[in-house]
PDB file of N, CA and C in Angstrom:
ATOM      1  N   UNK A   1       0.821  -1.190   0.000  1.00  0.00           N
ATOM      2  CA  UNK A   1       0.000   0.000   0.000  1.00  0.00           C
ATOM      3  C   UNK A   1       0.864   1.252   0.000  1.00  0.00           C
ATOM      4  N   UNK A   2       1.980   1.172   0.705  1.00  0.00           N
ATOM      5  CA  UNK A   2       2.882   2.327   0.714  1.00  0.00           C
ATOM      6  C   UNK A   2       3.388   2.614  -0.695  1.00  0.00           C
ATOM      7  N   UNK A   3       3.695   1.566  -1.431  1.00  0.00           N
ATOM      8  CA  UNK A   3       4.144   1.743  -2.811  1.00  0.00           C
ATOM      9  C   UNK A   3       3.023   2.341  -3.657  1.00  0.00           C
ATOM     10  N   UNK A   4       1.817   1.892  -3.422  1.00  0.00           N
ATOM     11  CA  UNK A   4       0.650   2.393  -4.151  1.00  0.00           C
ATOM     12  C   UNK A   4       0.552   3.910  -3.970  1.00  0.00           C
ATOM     13  N   UNK A   5       0.699   4.373  -2.746  1.00  0.00           N
ATOM     14  CA  UNK A   5       0.621   5.817  -2.457  1.00  0.00           C
ATOM     15  C   UNK A   5       1.813   6.541  -3.064  1.00  0.00           C
ATOM     16  N   UNK A   6       3.007   5.949  -2.950  1.00  0.00           N
ATOM     17  CA  UNK A   6       4.197   6.606  -3.489  1.00  0.00           C
ATOM     18  C   UNK A   6       4.123   6.761  -5.010  1.00  0.00           C
ATOM     19  N   UNK A   7       3.313   5.925  -5.648  1.00  0.00           N
ATOM     20  CA  UNK A   7       3.105   6.054  -7.093  1.00  0.00           C
ATOM     21  C   UNK A   7       2.044   7.094  -7.424  1.00  0.00           C
ATOM     22  N   UNK A   8       1.501   7.751  -6.387  1.00  0.00           N
ATOM     23  CA  UNK A   8       0.529   8.814  -6.603  1.00  0.00           C
ATOM     24  C   UNK A   8      -0.909   8.336  -6.697  1.00  0.00           C
ATOM     25  N   UNK A   9      -1.153   7.107  -6.383  1.00  0.00           N
ATOM     26  CA  UNK A   9      -2.512   6.572  -6.449  1.00  0.00           C
ATOM     27  C   UNK A   9      -3.226   6.829  -5.123  1.00  0.00           C
ATOM     28  N   UNK A  10      -4.537   6.917  -5.201  1.00  0.00           N
ATOM     29  CA  UNK A  10      -5.334   7.199  -4.019  1.00  0.00           C
ATOM     30  C   UNK A  10      -5.691   5.928  -3.266  1.00  0.00           C
ATOM     31  N   UNK A  11      -5.767   6.086  -1.940  1.00  0.00           N
ATOM     32  CA  UNK A  11      -6.235   5.011  -1.082  1.00  0.00           C
ATOM     33  C   UNK A  11      -7.436   5.566  -0.338  1.00  0.00           C
ATOM     34  N   UNK A  12      -8.580   4.941  -0.533  1.00  0.00           N
ATOM     35  CA  UNK A  12      -9.802   5.423   0.106  1.00  0.00           C
ATOM     36  C   UNK A  12     -10.038   4.693   1.414  1.00  0.00           C
ATOM     37  N   UNK A  13     -10.307   5.470   2.443  1.00  0.00           N
ATOM     38  CA  UNK A  13     -10.492   4.925   3.778  1.00  0.00           C
ATOM     39  C   UNK A  13     -11.662   3.941   3.828  1.00  0.00           C
ATOM     40  N   UNK A  14     -12.757   4.288   3.188  1.00  0.00           N
ATOM     41  CA  UNK A  14     -13.919   3.399   3.198  1.00  0.00           C
ATOM     42  C   UNK A  14     -13.610   2.043   2.557  1.00  0.00           C
ATOM     43  N   UNK A  15     -12.803   2.057   1.521  1.00  0.00           N
ATOM     44  CA  UNK A  15     -12.412   0.802   0.871  1.00  0.00           C
ATOM     45  C   UNK A  15     -11.547  -0.020   1.810  1.00  0.00           C
ATOM     46  N   UNK A  16     -10.620   0.634   2.500  1.00  0.00           N
ATOM     47  CA  UNK A  16      -9.769  -0.081   3.445  1.00  0.00           C
ATOM     48  C   UNK A  16     -10.587  -0.686   4.575  1.00  0.00           C
ATOM     49  N   UNK A  17     -11.582   0.061   5.062  1.00  0.00           N
ATOM     50  CA  UNK A  17     -12.429  -0.468   6.129  1.00  0.00           C
ATOM     51  C   UNK A  17     -13.199  -1.709   5.666  1.00  0.00           C
ATOM     52  N   UNK A  18     -13.673  -1.678   4.421  1.00  0.00           N
ATOM     53  CA  UNK A  18     -14.380  -2.843   3.888  1.00  0.00           C
ATOM     54  C   UNK A  18     -13.441  -4.041   3.757  1.00  0.00           C
ATOM     55  N   UNK A  19     -12.216  -3.783   3.346  1.00  0.00           N
ATOM     56  CA  UNK A  19     -11.237  -4.861   3.230  1.00  0.00           C
ATOM     57  C   UNK A  19     -10.977  -5.469   4.609  1.00  0.00           C
ATOM     58  N   UNK A  20     -10.830  -4.614   5.617  1.00  0.00           N
ATOM     59  CA  UNK A  20     -10.614  -5.103   6.982  1.00  0.00           C
ATOM     60  C   UNK A  20     -11.801  -5.955   7.432  1.00  0.00           C
ATOM     61  N   UNK A  21     -13.005  -5.479   7.172  1.00  0.00           N
ATOM     62  CA  UNK A  21     -14.196  -6.226   7.568  1.00  0.00           C
ATOM     63  C   UNK A  21     -14.280  -7.575   6.851  1.00  0.00           C
ATOM     64  N   UNK A  22     -13.950  -7.593   5.564  1.00  0.00           N
ATOM     65  CA  UNK A  22     -13.972  -8.849   4.807  1.00  0.00           C
ATOM     66  C   UNK A  22     -12.912  -9.821   5.319  1.00  0.00           C
ATOM     67  N   UNK A  23     -11.729  -9.303   5.633  1.00  0.00           N
ATOM     68  CA  UNK A  23     -10.681 -10.159   6.175  1.00  0.00           C
ATOM     69  C   UNK A  23     -11.073 -10.706   7.539  1.00  0.00           C
ATOM     70  N   UNK A  24     -11.705  -9.863   8.350  1.00  0.00           N
ATOM     71  CA  UNK A  24     -12.192 -10.310   9.662  1.00  0.00           C
ATOM     72  C   UNK A  24     -13.227 -11.420   9.506  1.00  0.00           C
ATOM     73  N   UNK A  25     -14.139 -11.233   8.584  1.00  0.00           N
ATOM     74  CA  UNK A  25     -15.185 -12.235   8.352  1.00  0.00           C
ATOM     75  C   UNK A  25     -14.585 -13.548   7.853  1.00  0.00           C
ATOM     76  N   UNK A  26     -13.468 -13.451   7.149  1.00  0.00           N
ATOM     77  CA  UNK A  26     -12.781 -14.640   6.643  1.00  0.00           C
ATOM     78  C   UNK A  26     -11.805 -15.217   7.665  1.00  0.00           C
ATOM     79  N   UNK A  27     -11.794 -14.631   8.853  1.00  0.00           N
ATOM     80  CA  UNK A  27     -10.926 -15.066   9.949  1.00  0.00           C
ATOM     81  C   UNK A  27      -9.450 -14.907   9.609  1.00  0.00           C
ATOM     82  N   UNK A  28      -9.140 -13.934   8.786  1.00  0.00           N
ATOM     83  CA  UNK A  28      -7.755 -13.616   8.439  1.00  0.00           C
ATOM     84  C   UNK A  28      -7.347 -12.404   9.274  1.00  0.00           C
ATOM     85  N   UNK A  29      -7.249 -12.644  10.574  1.00  0.00           N
ATOM     86  CA  UNK A  29      -7.057 -11.570  11.542  1.00  0.00           C
ATOM     87  C   UNK A  29      -5.711 -10.868  11.393  1.00  0.00           C
ATOM     88  N   UNK A  30      -4.650 -11.621  11.125  1.00  0.00           N
ATOM     89  CA  UNK A  30      -3.331 -10.997  10.964  1.00  0.00           C
ATOM     90  C   UNK A  30      -3.311 -10.021   9.796  1.00  0.00           C
ATOM     91  N   UNK A  31      -3.918 -10.408   8.680  1.00  0.00           N
ATOM     92  CA  UNK A  31      -3.941  -9.527   7.512  1.00  0.00           C
ATOM     93  C   UNK A  31      -4.764  -8.271   7.788  1.00  0.00           C
ATOM     94  N   UNK A  32      -5.902  -8.456   8.433  1.00  0.00           N
ATOM     95  CA  UNK A  32      -6.742  -7.304   8.769  1.00  0.00           C
ATOM     96  C   UNK A  32      -6.008  -6.372   9.722  1.00  0.00           C
ATOM     97  N   UNK A  33      -5.291  -6.945  10.679  1.00  0.00           N
ATOM     98  CA  UNK A  33      -4.533  -6.137  11.634  1.00  0.00           C
ATOM     99  C   UNK A  33      -3.404  -5.387  10.950  1.00  0.00           C
ATOM    100  N   UNK A  34      -2.767  -6.000   9.977  1.00  0.00           N
ATOM    101  CA  UNK A  34      -1.712  -5.322   9.221  1.00  0.00           C
ATOM    102  C   UNK A  34      -2.256  -4.082   8.529  1.00  0.00           C
ATOM    103  N   UNK A  35      -3.438  -4.184   7.959  1.00  0.00           N
ATOM    104  CA  UNK A  35      -4.037  -3.023   7.299  1.00  0.00           C
ATOM    105  C   UNK A  35      -4.367  -1.951   8.323  1.00  0.00           C
ATOM    106  N   UNK A  36      -4.921  -2.345   9.464  1.00  0.00           N
ATOM    107  CA  UNK A  36      -5.218  -1.370  10.528  1.00  0.00           C
ATOM    108  C   UNK A  36      -3.953  -0.665  10.987  1.00  0.00           C
ATOM    109  N   UNK A  37      -2.893  -1.423  11.185  1.00  0.00           N
ATOM    110  CA  UNK A  37      -1.622  -0.826  11.614  1.00  0.00           C
ATOM    111  C   UNK A  37      -1.079   0.127  10.555  1.00  0.00           C
ATOM    112  N   UNK A  38      -1.238  -0.238   9.308  1.00  0.00           N
ATOM    113  CA  UNK A  38      -0.782   0.638   8.219  1.00  0.00           C
ATOM    114  C   UNK A  38      -1.576   1.939   8.227  1.00  0.00           C
ATOM    115  N   UNK A  39      -2.887   1.828   8.390  1.00  0.00           N
ATOM    116  CA  UNK A  39      -3.739   3.023   8.439  1.00  0.00           C
ATOM    117  C   UNK A  39      -3.279   3.931   9.570  1.00  0.00           C
ATOM    118  N   UNK A  40      -3.025   3.346  10.743  1.00  0.00           N
ATOM    119  CA  UNK A  40      -2.590   4.138  11.893  1.00  0.00           C
ATOM    120  C   UNK A  40      -1.221   4.766  11.675  1.00  0.00           C
ATOM    121  N   UNK A  41      -0.325   4.054  11.012  1.00  0.00           N
ATOM    122  CA  UNK A  41       1.036   4.561  10.827  1.00  0.00           C
ATOM    123  C   UNK A  41       1.081   5.767   9.892  1.00  0.00           C
ATOM    124  N   UNK A  42       0.187   5.833   8.929  1.00  0.00           N
ATOM    125  CA  UNK A  42       0.203   6.936   7.976  1.00  0.00           C
ATOM    126  C   UNK A  42      -0.478   8.187   8.511  1.00  0.00           C
ATOM    127  N   UNK A  43      -1.352   8.037   9.477  1.00  0.00           N
ATOM    128  CA  UNK A  43      -2.053   9.171  10.091  1.00  0.00           C
ATOM    129  C   UNK A  43      -2.745  10.068   9.056  1.00  0.00           C
ATOM    130  N   UNK A  44      -3.264   9.436   8.019  1.00  0.00           N
ATOM    131  CA  UNK A  44      -3.973  10.172   6.969  1.00  0.00           C
ATOM    132  C   UNK A  44      -5.468  10.251   7.233  1.00  0.00           C
ATOM    133  N   UNK A  45      -5.955   9.373   8.094  1.00  0.00           N
ATOM    134  CA  UNK A  45      -7.384   9.232   8.278  1.00  0.00           C
ATOM    135  C   UNK A  45      -7.753   9.449   9.741  1.00  0.00           C
ATOM    136  N   UNK A  46      -8.974   9.892   9.956  1.00  0.00           N
ATOM    137  CA  UNK A  46      -9.507   9.997  11.310  1.00  0.00           C
ATOM    138  C   UNK A  46      -9.839   8.591  11.799  1.00  0.00           C
ATOM    139  N   UNK A  47      -9.309   8.239  12.954  1.00  0.00           N
ATOM    140  CA  UNK A  47      -9.546   6.919  13.530  1.00  0.00           C
ATOM    141  C   UNK A  47     -10.615   7.067  14.604  1.00  0.00           C
ATOM    142  N   UNK A  48     -11.740   6.403  14.403  1.00  0.00           N
ATOM    143  CA  UNK A  48     -12.858   6.512  15.341  1.00  0.00           C
ATOM    144  C   UNK A  48     -12.712   5.518  16.488  1.00  0.00           C
ATOM    145  N   UNK A  49     -13.586   5.654  17.476  1.00  0.00           N
ATOM    146  CA  UNK A  49     -13.616   4.701  18.587  1.00  0.00           C
ATOM    147  C   UNK A  49     -13.902   3.293  18.075  1.00  0.00           C
ATOM    148  N   UNK A  50     -14.796   3.200  17.133  1.00  0.00           N
ATOM    149  CA  UNK A  50     -15.123   1.897  16.562  1.00  0.00           C
ATOM    150  C   UNK A  50     -13.933   1.263  15.871  1.00  0.00           C
ATOM    151  N   UNK A  51     -13.134   2.091  15.178  1.00  0.00           N
ATOM    152  CA  UNK A  51     -11.939   1.578  14.502  1.00  0.00           C
ATOM    153  C   UNK A  51     -10.943   1.012  15.511  1.00  0.00           C
ATOM    154  N   UNK A  52     -10.764   1.728  16.611  1.00  0.00           N
ATOM    155  CA  UNK A  52      -9.832   1.266  17.637  1.00  0.00           C
ATOM    156  C   UNK A  52     -10.364   0.005  18.309  1.00  0.00           C
ATOM    157  N   UNK A  53     -11.666  -0.046  18.522  1.00  0.00           N
ATOM    158  CA  UNK A  53     -12.266  -1.236  19.124  1.00  0.00           C
ATOM    159  C   UNK A  53     -12.089  -2.450  18.210  1.00  0.00           C
ATOM    160  N   UNK A  54     -12.240  -2.238  16.918  1.00  0.00           N
ATOM    161  CA  UNK A  54     -12.028  -3.334  15.956  1.00  0.00           C
ATOM    162  C   UNK A  54     -10.570  -3.762  15.976  1.00  0.00           C
ATOM    163  N   UNK A  55      -9.669  -2.788  16.051  1.00  0.00           N
ATOM    164  CA  UNK A  55      -8.255  -3.124  16.120  1.00  0.00           C
ATOM    165  C   UNK A  55      -7.953  -3.901  17.403  1.00  0.00           C
ATOM    166  N   UNK A  56      -8.560  -3.512  18.501  1.00  0.00           N
ATOM    167  CA  UNK A  56      -8.399  -4.246  19.759  1.00  0.00           C
ATOM    168  C   UNK A  56      -8.857  -5.690  19.599  1.00  0.00           C
ATOM    169  N   UNK A  57      -9.986  -5.873  18.955  1.00  0.00           N
ATOM    170  CA  UNK A  57     -10.498  -7.217  18.705  1.00  0.00           C
ATOM    171  C   UNK A  57      -9.522  -8.011  17.838  1.00  0.00           C
ATOM    172  N   UNK A  58      -8.987  -7.384  16.810  1.00  0.00           N
ATOM    173  CA  UNK A  58      -8.038  -8.065  15.929  1.00  0.00           C
ATOM    174  C   UNK A  58      -6.759  -8.438  16.664  1.00  0.00           C
ATOM    175  N   UNK A  59      -6.272  -7.534  17.519  1.00  0.00           N
ATOM    176  CA  UNK A  59      -5.062  -7.831  18.295  1.00  0.00           C
ATOM    177  C   UNK A  59      -5.304  -9.039  19.177  1.00  0.00           C
ATOM    178  N   UNK A  60      -6.465  -9.071  19.841  1.00  0.00           N
ATOM    179  CA  UNK A  60      -6.744 -10.197  20.740  1.00  0.00           C
ATOM    180  C   UNK A  60      -6.877 -11.509  19.964  1.00  0.00           C
ATOM    181  N   UNK A  61      -7.432 -11.451  18.772  1.00  0.00           N
ATOM    182  CA  UNK A  61      -7.604 -12.676  17.985  1.00  0.00           C
ATOM    183  C   UNK A  61      -6.315 -13.115  17.293  1.00  0.00           C
ATOM    184  N   UNK A  62      -5.495 -12.144  16.890  1.00  0.00           N
ATOM    185  CA  UNK A  62      -4.267 -12.480  16.173  1.00  0.00           C
ATOM    186  C   UNK A  62      -3.111 -12.814  17.115  1.00  0.00           C
ATOM    187  N   UNK A  63      -3.044 -12.115  18.256  1.00  0.00           N
ATOM    188  CA  UNK A  63      -1.882 -12.253  19.138  1.00  0.00           C
ATOM    189  C   UNK A  63      -2.224 -12.650  20.565  1.00  0.00           C
ATOM    190  N   UNK A  64      -3.501 -12.822  20.837  1.00  0.00           N
ATOM    191  CA  UNK A  64      -3.912 -13.227  22.174  1.00  0.00           C
ATOM    192  C   UNK A  64      -4.374 -12.063  23.022  1.00  0.00           C
ATOM    193  N   UNK A  65      -5.100 -12.396  24.033  1.00  0.00           N
ATOM    194  CA  UNK A  65      -5.688 -11.404  24.921  1.00  0.00           C
ATOM    195  C   UNK A  65      -4.628 -10.573  25.631  1.00  0.00           C
ATOM    196  N   UNK A  66      -3.507 -11.201  25.975  1.00  0.00           N
ATOM    197  CA  UNK A  66      -2.446 -10.487  26.685  1.00  0.00           C
ATOM    198  C   UNK A  66      -1.931  -9.309  25.866  1.00  0.00           C
ATOM    199  N   UNK A  67      -1.796  -9.491  24.569  1.00  0.00           N
ATOM    200  CA  UNK A  67      -1.317  -8.416  23.697  1.00  0.00           C
ATOM    201  C   UNK A  67      -2.303  -7.260  23.657  1.00  0.00           C
ATOM    202  N   UNK A  68      -3.594  -7.563  23.680  1.00  0.00           N
ATOM    203  CA  UNK A  68      -4.615  -6.517  23.649  1.00  0.00           C
ATOM    204  C   UNK A  68      -4.675  -5.754  24.958  1.00  0.00           C
ATOM    205  N   UNK A  69      -4.225  -6.379  26.029  1.00  0.00           N
ATOM    206  CA  UNK A  69      -4.260  -5.742  27.343  1.00  0.00           C
ATOM    207  C   UNK A  69      -2.957  -5.049  27.696  1.00  0.00           C
ATOM    208  N   UNK A  70      -1.978  -5.057  26.803  1.00  0.00           N
ATOM    209  CA  UNK A  70      -0.698  -4.412  27.083  1.00  0.00           C
ATOM    210  C   UNK A  70      -0.923  -2.935  27.362  1.00  0.00           C
ATOM    211  N   UNK A  71      -0.189  -2.405  28.326  1.00  0.00           N
ATOM    212  CA  UNK A  71      -0.336  -0.981  28.639  1.00  0.00           C
ATOM    213  C   UNK A  71      -0.101  -0.069  27.441  1.00  0.00           C
ATOM    214  N   UNK A  72       0.790  -0.440  26.530  1.00  0.00           N
ATOM    215  CA  UNK A  72       1.067   0.416  25.372  1.00  0.00           C
ATOM    216  C   UNK A  72      -0.167   0.566  24.488  1.00  0.00           C
ATOM    217  N   UNK A  73      -0.915  -0.520  24.294  1.00  0.00           N
ATOM    218  CA  UNK A  73      -2.115  -0.445  23.457  1.00  0.00           C
ATOM    219  C   UNK A  73      -3.207   0.360  24.150  1.00  0.00           C
ATOM    220  N   UNK A  74      -3.385   0.111  25.455  1.00  0.00           N
ATOM    221  CA  UNK A  74      -4.388   0.860  26.215  1.00  0.00           C
ATOM    222  C   UNK A  74      -4.023   2.340  26.241  1.00  0.00           C
ATOM    223  N   UNK A  75      -2.731   2.654  26.398  1.00  0.00           N
ATOM    224  CA  UNK A  75      -2.278   4.051  26.408  1.00  0.00           C
ATOM    225  C   UNK A  75      -2.524   4.704  25.054  1.00  0.00           C
ATOM    226  N   UNK A  76      -2.293   3.966  23.995  1.00  0.00           N
ATOM    227  CA  UNK A  76      -2.541   4.484  22.645  1.00  0.00           C
ATOM    228  C   UNK A  76      -4.014   4.859  22.488  1.00  0.00           C
ATOM    229  N   UNK A  77      -4.899   4.027  23.022  1.00  0.00           N
ATOM    230  CA  UNK A  77      -6.326   4.330  22.959  1.00  0.00           C
ATOM    231  C   UNK A  77      -6.625   5.625  23.717  1.00  0.00           C
ATOM    232  N   UNK A  78      -6.058   5.748  24.909  1.00  0.00           N
ATOM    233  CA  UNK A  78      -6.299   6.944  25.718  1.00  0.00           C
ATOM    234  C   UNK A  78      -5.721   8.186  25.059  1.00  0.00           C
ATOM    235  N   UNK A  79      -4.553   8.051  24.418  1.00  0.00           N
ATOM    236  CA  UNK A  79      -3.942   9.187  23.713  1.00  0.00           C
ATOM    237  C   UNK A  79      -4.828   9.693  22.584  1.00  0.00           C
ATOM    238  N   UNK A  80      -5.611   8.806  22.003  1.00  0.00           N
ATOM    239  CA  UNK A  80      -6.527   9.184  20.927  1.00  0.00           C
ATOM    240  C   UNK A  80      -7.872   9.634  21.481  1.00  0.00           C
ATOM    241  N   UNK A  81      -7.957   9.753  22.810  1.00  0.00           N
ATOM    242  CA  UNK A  81      -9.197  10.205  23.435  1.00  0.00           C
ATOM    243  C   UNK A  81     -10.247   9.124  23.526  1.00  0.00           C
ATOM    244  N   UNK A  82      -9.811   7.883  23.475  1.00  0.00           N
ATOM    245  CA  UNK A  82     -10.751   6.770  23.497  1.00  0.00           C
ATOM    246  C   UNK A  82     -10.604   6.049  24.826  1.00  0.00           C
ATOM    247  N   UNK A  83     -11.590   6.206  25.653  1.00  0.00           N
ATOM    248  CA  UNK A  83     -11.587   5.492  26.924  1.00  0.00           C
ATOM    249  C   UNK A  83     -12.714   4.478  26.888  1.00  0.00           C
ATOM    250  N   UNK A  84     -13.060   3.980  28.039  1.00  0.00           N
ATOM    251  CA  UNK A  84     -14.088   2.951  28.079  1.00  0.00           C
ATOM    252  C   UNK A  84     -15.459   3.479  27.701  1.00  0.00           C
ATOM    253  N   UNK A  85     -15.984   3.010  26.590  1.00  0.00           N
ATOM    254  CA  UNK A  85     -17.365   3.299  26.225  1.00  0.00           C
ATOM    255  C   UNK A  85     -18.035   1.956  25.914  1.00  0.00           C
ATOM    256  N   UNK A  86     -19.295   1.997  25.634  1.00  0.00           N
ATOM    257  CA  UNK A  86     -20.053   0.754  25.443  1.00  0.00           C
ATOM    258  C   UNK A  86     -19.453  -0.108  24.329  1.00  0.00           C
ATOM    259  N   UNK A  87     -19.027   0.518  23.248  1.00  0.00           N
ATOM    260  CA  UNK A  87     -18.514  -0.246  22.113  1.00  0.00           C
ATOM    261  C   UNK A  87     -17.193  -0.924  22.455  1.00  0.00           C
ATOM    262  N   UNK A  88     -16.252  -0.170  23.043  1.00  0.00           N
ATOM    263  CA  UNK A  88     -14.957  -0.771  23.379  1.00  0.00           C
ATOM    264  C   UNK A  88     -15.107  -1.815  24.470  1.00  0.00           C
ATOM    265  N   UNK A  89     -16.027  -1.579  25.408  1.00  0.00           N
ATOM    266  CA  UNK A  89     -16.274  -2.593  26.433  1.00  0.00           C
ATOM    267  C   UNK A  89     -16.837  -3.872  25.811  1.00  0.00           C
ATOM    268  N   UNK A  90     -17.734  -3.732  24.868  1.00  0.00           N
ATOM    269  CA  UNK A  90     -18.333  -4.908  24.232  1.00  0.00           C
ATOM    270  C   UNK A  90     -17.273  -5.727  23.500  1.00  0.00           C
ATOM    271  N   UNK A  91     -16.371  -5.061  22.807  1.00  0.00           N
ATOM    272  CA  UNK A  91     -15.299  -5.756  22.095  1.00  0.00           C
ATOM    273  C   UNK A  91     -14.408  -6.490  23.094  1.00  0.00           C
ATOM    274  N   UNK A  92     -14.069  -5.821  24.188  1.00  0.00           N
ATOM    275  CA  UNK A  92     -13.211  -6.461  25.187  1.00  0.00           C
ATOM    276  C   UNK A  92     -13.914  -7.648  25.835  1.00  0.00           C
ATOM    277  N   UNK A  93     -15.189  -7.496  26.132  1.00  0.00           N
ATOM    278  CA  UNK A  93     -15.932  -8.618  26.706  1.00  0.00           C
ATOM    279  C   UNK A  93     -15.950  -9.806  25.757  1.00  0.00           C
ATOM    280  N   UNK A  94     -16.127  -9.522  24.489  1.00  0.00           N
ATOM    281  CA  UNK A  94     -16.117 -10.579  23.487  1.00  0.00           C
ATOM    282  C   UNK A  94     -14.759 -11.282  23.461  1.00  0.00           C
ATOM    283  N   UNK A  95     -13.690 -10.510  23.581  1.00  0.00           N
ATOM    284  CA  UNK A  95     -12.350 -11.103  23.593  1.00  0.00           C
ATOM    285  C   UNK A  95     -12.171 -12.008  24.803  1.00  0.00           C
ATOM    286  N   UNK A  96     -12.615 -11.551  25.972  1.00  0.00           N
ATOM    287  CA  UNK A  96     -12.503 -12.384  27.178  1.00  0.00           C
ATOM    288  C   UNK A  96     -13.339 -13.653  27.037  1.00  0.00           C
ATOM    289  N   UNK A  97     -14.547 -13.492  26.534  1.00  0.00           N
ATOM    290  CA  UNK A  97     -15.441 -14.642  26.410  1.00  0.00           C
ATOM    291  C   UNK A  97     -14.902 -15.662  25.406  1.00  0.00           C
ATOM    292  N   UNK A  98     -14.241 -15.179  24.370  1.00  0.00           N
ATOM    293  CA  UNK A  98     -13.737 -16.100  23.347  1.00  0.00           C
ATOM    294  C   UNK A  98     -12.628 -16.998  23.879  1.00  0.00           C
ATOM    295  N   UNK A  99     -11.928 -16.547  24.900  1.00  0.00           N
ATOM    296  CA  UNK A  99     -10.893 -17.388  25.497  1.00  0.00           C
ATOM    297  C   UNK A  99     -11.372 -17.972  26.824  1.00  0.00           C
ATOM    298  N   UNK A 100     -12.628 -17.806  27.103  1.00  0.00           N
ATOM    299  CA  UNK A 100     -13.294 -18.296  28.322  1.00  0.00           C
ATOM    300  C   UNK A 100     -12.525 -17.938  29.587  1.00  0.00           C
ATOM    301  N   UNK A 101     -12.136 -16.675  29.669  1.00  0.00           N
ATOM    302  CA  UNK A 101     -11.444 -16.167  30.847  1.00  0.00           C
ATOM    303  C   UNK A 101     -12.485 -15.557  31.781  1.00  0.00           C
ATOM    304  N   UNK A 102     -13.036 -16.384  32.641  1.00  0.00           N
ATOM    305  CA  UNK A 102     -14.132 -15.965  33.516  1.00  0.00           C
ATOM    306  C   UNK A 102     -13.689 -14.860  34.468  1.00  0.00           C
ATOM    307  N   UNK A 103     -12.518 -15.001  35.059  1.00  0.00           N
ATOM    308  CA  UNK A 103     -12.046 -13.999  36.023  1.00  0.00           C
ATOM    309  C   UNK A 103     -11.891 -12.638  35.369  1.00  0.00           C
ATOM    310  N   UNK A 104     -11.273 -12.612  34.194  1.00  0.00           N
ATOM    311  CA  UNK A 104     -11.095 -11.332  33.497  1.00  0.00           C
ATOM    312  C   UNK A 104     -12.434 -10.769  33.045  1.00  0.00           C
ATOM    313  N   UNK A 105     -13.337 -11.620  32.624  1.00  0.00           N
ATOM    314  CA  UNK A 105     -14.658 -11.162  32.209  1.00  0.00           C
ATOM    315  C   UNK A 105     -15.372 -10.518  33.381  1.00  0.00           C
ATOM    316  N   UNK A 106     -15.340 -11.160  34.542  1.00  0.00           N
ATOM    317  CA  UNK A 106     -15.978 -10.598  35.730  1.00  0.00           C
ATOM    318  C   UNK A 106     -15.323  -9.279  36.139  1.00  0.00           C
ATOM    319  N   UNK A 107     -13.990  -9.239  36.088  1.00  0.00           N
ATOM    320  CA  UNK A 107     -13.261  -8.012  36.427  1.00  0.00           C
ATOM    321  C   UNK A 107     -13.655  -6.880  35.483  1.00  0.00           C
ATOM    322  N   UNK A 108     -13.770  -7.199  34.225  1.00  0.00           N
ATOM    323  CA  UNK A 108     -14.139  -6.199  33.220  1.00  0.00           C
ATOM    324  C   UNK A 108     -15.576  -5.709  33.433  1.00  0.00           C
ATOM    325  N   UNK A 109     -16.469  -6.621  33.771  1.00  0.00           N
ATOM    326  CA  UNK A 109     -17.849  -6.220  34.051  1.00  0.00           C
ATOM    327  C   UNK A 109     -17.917  -5.287  35.250  1.00  0.00           C
ATOM    328  N   UNK A 110     -17.101  -5.545  36.253  1.00  0.00           N
ATOM    329  CA  UNK A 110     -17.070  -4.666  37.432  1.00  0.00           C
ATOM    330  C   UNK A 110     -16.569  -3.276  37.050  1.00  0.00           C
ATOM    331  N   UNK A 111     -15.553  -3.215  36.186  1.00  0.00           N
ATOM    332  CA  UNK A 111     -15.022  -1.922  35.746  1.00  0.00           C
ATOM    333  C   UNK A 111     -16.078  -1.162  34.943  1.00  0.00           C
ATOM    334  N   UNK A 112     -16.832  -1.891  34.123  1.00  0.00           N
ATOM    335  CA  UNK A 112     -17.903  -1.252  33.361  1.00  0.00           C
ATOM    336  C   UNK A 112     -18.941  -0.637  34.291  1.00  0.00           C
ATOM    337  N   UNK A 113     -19.270  -1.340  35.353  1.00  0.00           N
ATOM    338  CA  UNK A 113     -20.252  -0.817  36.307  1.00  0.00           C
ATOM    339  C   UNK A 113     -19.738   0.449  36.983  1.00  0.00           C
ATOM    340  N   UNK A 114     -18.419   0.480  37.271  1.00  0.00           N
ATOM    341  CA  UNK A 114     -17.815   1.661  37.907  1.00  0.00           C
ATOM    342  C   UNK A 114     -17.866   2.874  36.979  1.00  0.00           C
ATOM    343  N   UNK A 115     -17.596   2.627  35.693  1.00  0.00           N
ATOM    344  CA  UNK A 115     -17.569   3.734  34.722  1.00  0.00           C
ATOM    345  C   UNK A 115     -18.983   4.134  34.387  1.00  0.00           C
TER     346      UNK A 115
END
């Protein structure tokens, strides 16, 4: 994609989002995450809370729950003004449930109640 841009061709954000969604649906989480990381690295597009929540989901599916819970990723979310909201909580709950981590799921539910 970097070469595509360097050749002067356009990259449309909506098209990239559809590609990410299609890759996610095909369970190609690493590829979808690579595109998300590329989008973030170029800083050409506005990244919404939903985009970050999807990236969180991809990180947990591609690299495990521990990677999604790393302080660096959580700090990155906060730096972008994204804290705990219903959408990001739902994605995190889904990640915990997918690995059947009951303790973390309960802990997360308690944090949601506090917020």
